[in-house]
Amino acid sequence: MRYQHYKGGLYELVCEATLESDLSPMIVYRAANGTIWCRPRDVFFELVEVDGKQVQRFTPLD
């Protein structure tokens, strides 16, 4: 599934993983330039404030 970051970048969700140290869920995702990133699941799907409005950090495109 593809997502757009609130700052404009396009990303593809690769998979959900588990962090070994505390078993927290992580999201693994790929940027348009091919780099691979991960964030805690809660952070990936959280709302952020932009110009006084709450928006999704990553908005689904598909």
N, C-alpha and C. Protein backbone atom coordinates (compact mmCIF):
# COMPACT_ATOMS: atom_id res chain seq x y z
N MET A 1 0.85 -1.17 0.00
CA MET A 1 0.00 0.00 0.00
C MET A 1 0.90 1.24 0.00
N ARG A 2 0.50 2.26 -0.74
CA ARG A 2 1.27 3.50 -0.84
C ARG A 2 0.69 4.56 0.10
N TYR A 3 1.59 5.38 0.62
CA TYR A 3 1.22 6.46 1.53
C TYR A 3 1.95 7.73 1.13
N GLN A 4 1.33 8.87 1.46
CA GLN A 4 2.00 10.15 1.28
C GLN A 4 2.23 10.76 2.65
N HIS A 5 3.48 11.15 2.92
CA HIS A 5 3.84 11.80 4.16
C HIS A 5 3.27 13.22 4.14
N TYR A 6 2.95 13.76 5.29
CA TYR A 6 2.35 15.10 5.33
C TYR A 6 3.28 16.17 4.75
N LYS A 7 4.58 15.88 4.65
CA LYS A 7 5.51 16.83 4.03
C LYS A 7 5.64 16.60 2.53
N GLY A 8 4.94 15.57 1.99
CA GLY A 8 4.88 15.38 0.55
C GLY A 8 5.51 14.13 -0.01
N GLY A 9 6.41 13.47 0.71
CA GLY A 9 7.08 12.28 0.19
C GLY A 9 6.13 11.11 -0.01
N LEU A 10 6.46 10.26 -0.99
CA LEU A 10 5.67 9.07 -1.27
C LEU A 10 6.41 7.84 -0.75
N TYR A 11 5.67 6.93 -0.12
CA TYR A 11 6.24 5.76 0.52
C TYR A 11 5.36 4.54 0.29
N GLU A 12 5.99 3.37 0.30
CA GLU A 12 5.28 2.11 0.19
C GLU A 12 5.47 1.34 1.48
N LEU A 13 4.37 0.94 2.12
CA LEU A 13 4.46 0.13 3.31
C LEU A 13 4.93 -1.26 2.89
N VAL A 14 6.04 -1.71 3.44
CA VAL A 14 6.63 -3.00 3.08
C VAL A 14 6.05 -4.11 3.95
N CYS A 15 6.07 -3.90 5.27
CA CYS A 15 5.54 -4.92 6.18
C CYS A 15 5.46 -4.35 7.58
N GLU A 16 4.80 -5.09 8.46
CA GLU A 16 4.82 -4.79 9.88
C GLU A 16 5.78 -5.77 10.52
N ALA A 17 6.63 -5.28 11.41
CA ALA A 17 7.64 -6.11 12.07
C ALA A 17 7.50 -5.94 13.58
N THR A 18 8.25 -6.74 14.32
CA THR A 18 8.26 -6.66 15.78
C THR A 18 9.67 -6.32 16.24
N LEU A 19 9.79 -5.29 17.06
CA LEU A 19 11.07 -4.90 17.61
C LEU A 19 11.48 -5.91 18.68
N GLU A 20 12.63 -6.49 18.51
CA GLU A 20 13.08 -7.59 19.37
C GLU A 20 13.18 -7.18 20.84
N SER A 21 13.66 -6.00 21.12
CA SER A 21 13.96 -5.62 22.51
C SER A 21 12.73 -5.51 23.40
N ASP A 22 11.61 -5.04 22.85
CA ASP A 22 10.41 -4.89 23.70
C ASP A 22 9.13 -5.39 23.03
N LEU A 23 9.27 -6.03 21.88
CA LEU A 23 8.14 -6.63 21.13
C LEU A 23 7.13 -5.60 20.63
N SER A 24 7.54 -4.35 20.51
CA SER A 24 6.63 -3.33 20.00
C SER A 24 6.49 -3.45 18.48
N PRO A 25 5.29 -3.17 17.96
CA PRO A 25 5.07 -3.25 16.52
C PRO A 25 5.73 -2.09 15.78
N MET A 26 6.38 -2.41 14.67
CA MET A 26 7.08 -1.43 13.84
C MET A 26 6.53 -1.50 12.42
N ILE A 27 6.57 -0.39 11.72
CA ILE A 27 6.21 -0.35 10.31
C ILE A 27 7.50 -0.18 9.51
N VAL A 28 7.70 -1.05 8.53
CA VAL A 28 8.85 -0.97 7.62
C VAL A 28 8.31 -0.41 6.30
N TYR A 29 8.94 0.65 5.80
CA TYR A 29 8.44 1.29 4.59
C TYR A 29 9.58 1.75 3.71
N ARG A 30 9.28 1.87 2.40
CA ARG A 30 10.28 2.22 1.39
C ARG A 30 9.94 3.58 0.79
N ALA A 31 10.95 4.45 0.74
CA ALA A 31 10.78 5.75 0.10
C ALA A 31 10.85 5.60 -1.42
N ALA A 32 10.41 6.61 -2.13
CA ALA A 32 10.43 6.59 -3.60
C ALA A 32 11.84 6.41 -4.15
N ASN A 33 12.86 6.83 -3.40
CA ASN A 33 14.24 6.69 -3.87
C ASN A 33 14.84 5.32 -3.52
N GLY A 34 14.04 4.43 -2.90
CA GLY A 34 14.48 3.08 -2.60
C GLY A 34 15.01 2.86 -1.19
N THR A 35 15.22 3.93 -0.43
CA THR A 35 15.71 3.74 0.94
C THR A 35 14.63 3.10 1.81
N ILE A 36 15.06 2.29 2.76
CA ILE A 36 14.14 1.59 3.65
C ILE A 36 14.19 2.25 5.03
N TRP A 37 13.01 2.44 5.61
CA TRP A 37 12.87 3.09 6.91
C TRP A 37 11.97 2.26 7.80
N CYS A 38 12.00 2.55 9.10
CA CYS A 38 11.02 1.95 10.01
C CYS A 38 10.69 2.95 11.10
N ARG A 39 9.48 2.83 11.59
CA ARG A 39 8.98 3.66 12.69
C ARG A 39 8.08 2.79 13.55
N PRO A 40 7.93 3.17 14.82
CA PRO A 40 6.91 2.49 15.61
C PRO A 40 5.54 2.64 14.95
N ARG A 41 4.75 1.59 15.00
CA ARG A 41 3.43 1.61 14.35
C ARG A 41 2.60 2.81 14.81
N ASP A 42 2.58 3.07 16.12
CA ASP A 42 1.79 4.19 16.64
C ASP A 42 2.24 5.53 16.06
N VAL A 43 3.54 5.70 15.85
CA VAL A 43 4.06 6.95 15.28
C VAL A 43 3.70 7.05 13.80
N PHE A 44 3.81 5.94 13.07
CA PHE A 44 3.49 5.96 11.65
C PHE A 44 2.05 6.42 11.41
N PHE A 45 1.12 5.93 12.24
CA PHE A 45 -0.30 6.22 12.03
C PHE A 45 -0.83 7.38 12.88
N GLU A 46 0.04 8.09 13.61
CA GLU A 46 -0.46 9.15 14.48
C GLU A 46 -0.83 10.42 13.71
N LEU A 47 -1.56 11.27 14.40
CA LEU A 47 -1.89 12.59 13.87
C LEU A 47 -0.80 13.56 14.30
N VAL A 48 -0.49 14.50 13.42
CA VAL A 48 0.47 15.55 13.72
C VAL A 48 -0.19 16.89 13.45
N GLU A 49 0.29 17.93 14.12
CA GLU A 49 -0.29 19.26 13.92
C GLU A 49 0.49 20.01 12.85
N VAL A 50 -0.24 20.48 11.84
CA VAL A 50 0.35 21.26 10.75
C VAL A 50 -0.51 22.50 10.56
N ASP A 51 0.09 23.66 10.74
CA ASP A 51 -0.63 24.93 10.61
C ASP A 51 -1.91 24.96 11.44
N GLY A 52 -1.81 24.42 12.66
CA GLY A 52 -2.94 24.44 13.58
C GLY A 52 -3.99 23.37 13.35
N LYS A 53 -3.77 22.49 12.36
CA LYS A 53 -4.73 21.42 12.06
C LYS A 53 -4.10 20.07 12.34
N GLN A 54 -4.90 19.10 12.77
CA GLN A 54 -4.46 17.73 12.96
C GLN A 54 -4.58 16.98 11.63
N VAL A 55 -3.48 16.42 11.17
CA VAL A 55 -3.47 15.64 9.92
C VAL A 55 -2.75 14.33 10.17
N GLN A 56 -3.01 13.34 9.35
CA GLN A 56 -2.31 12.08 9.45
C GLN A 56 -0.86 12.27 9.02
N ARG A 57 0.07 11.64 9.76
CA ARG A 57 1.48 11.70 9.36
C ARG A 57 1.65 11.09 7.98
N PHE A 58 1.01 9.93 7.75
CA PHE A 58 1.03 9.24 6.46
C PHE A 58 -0.42 9.01 6.03
N THR A 59 -0.80 9.50 4.87
CA THR A 59 -2.15 9.33 4.35
C THR A 59 -2.14 8.23 3.28
N PRO A 60 -3.02 7.23 3.42
CA PRO A 60 -3.07 6.17 2.41
C PRO A 60 -3.53 6.70 1.05
N LEU A 61 -2.91 6.19 -0.02
CA LEU A 61 -3.26 6.61 -1.38
C LEU A 61 -4.02 5.53 -2.14
N ASP A 62 -3.86 4.27 -1.79
CA ASP A 62 -4.52 3.17 -2.51
C ASP A 62 -5.82 2.81 -1.86
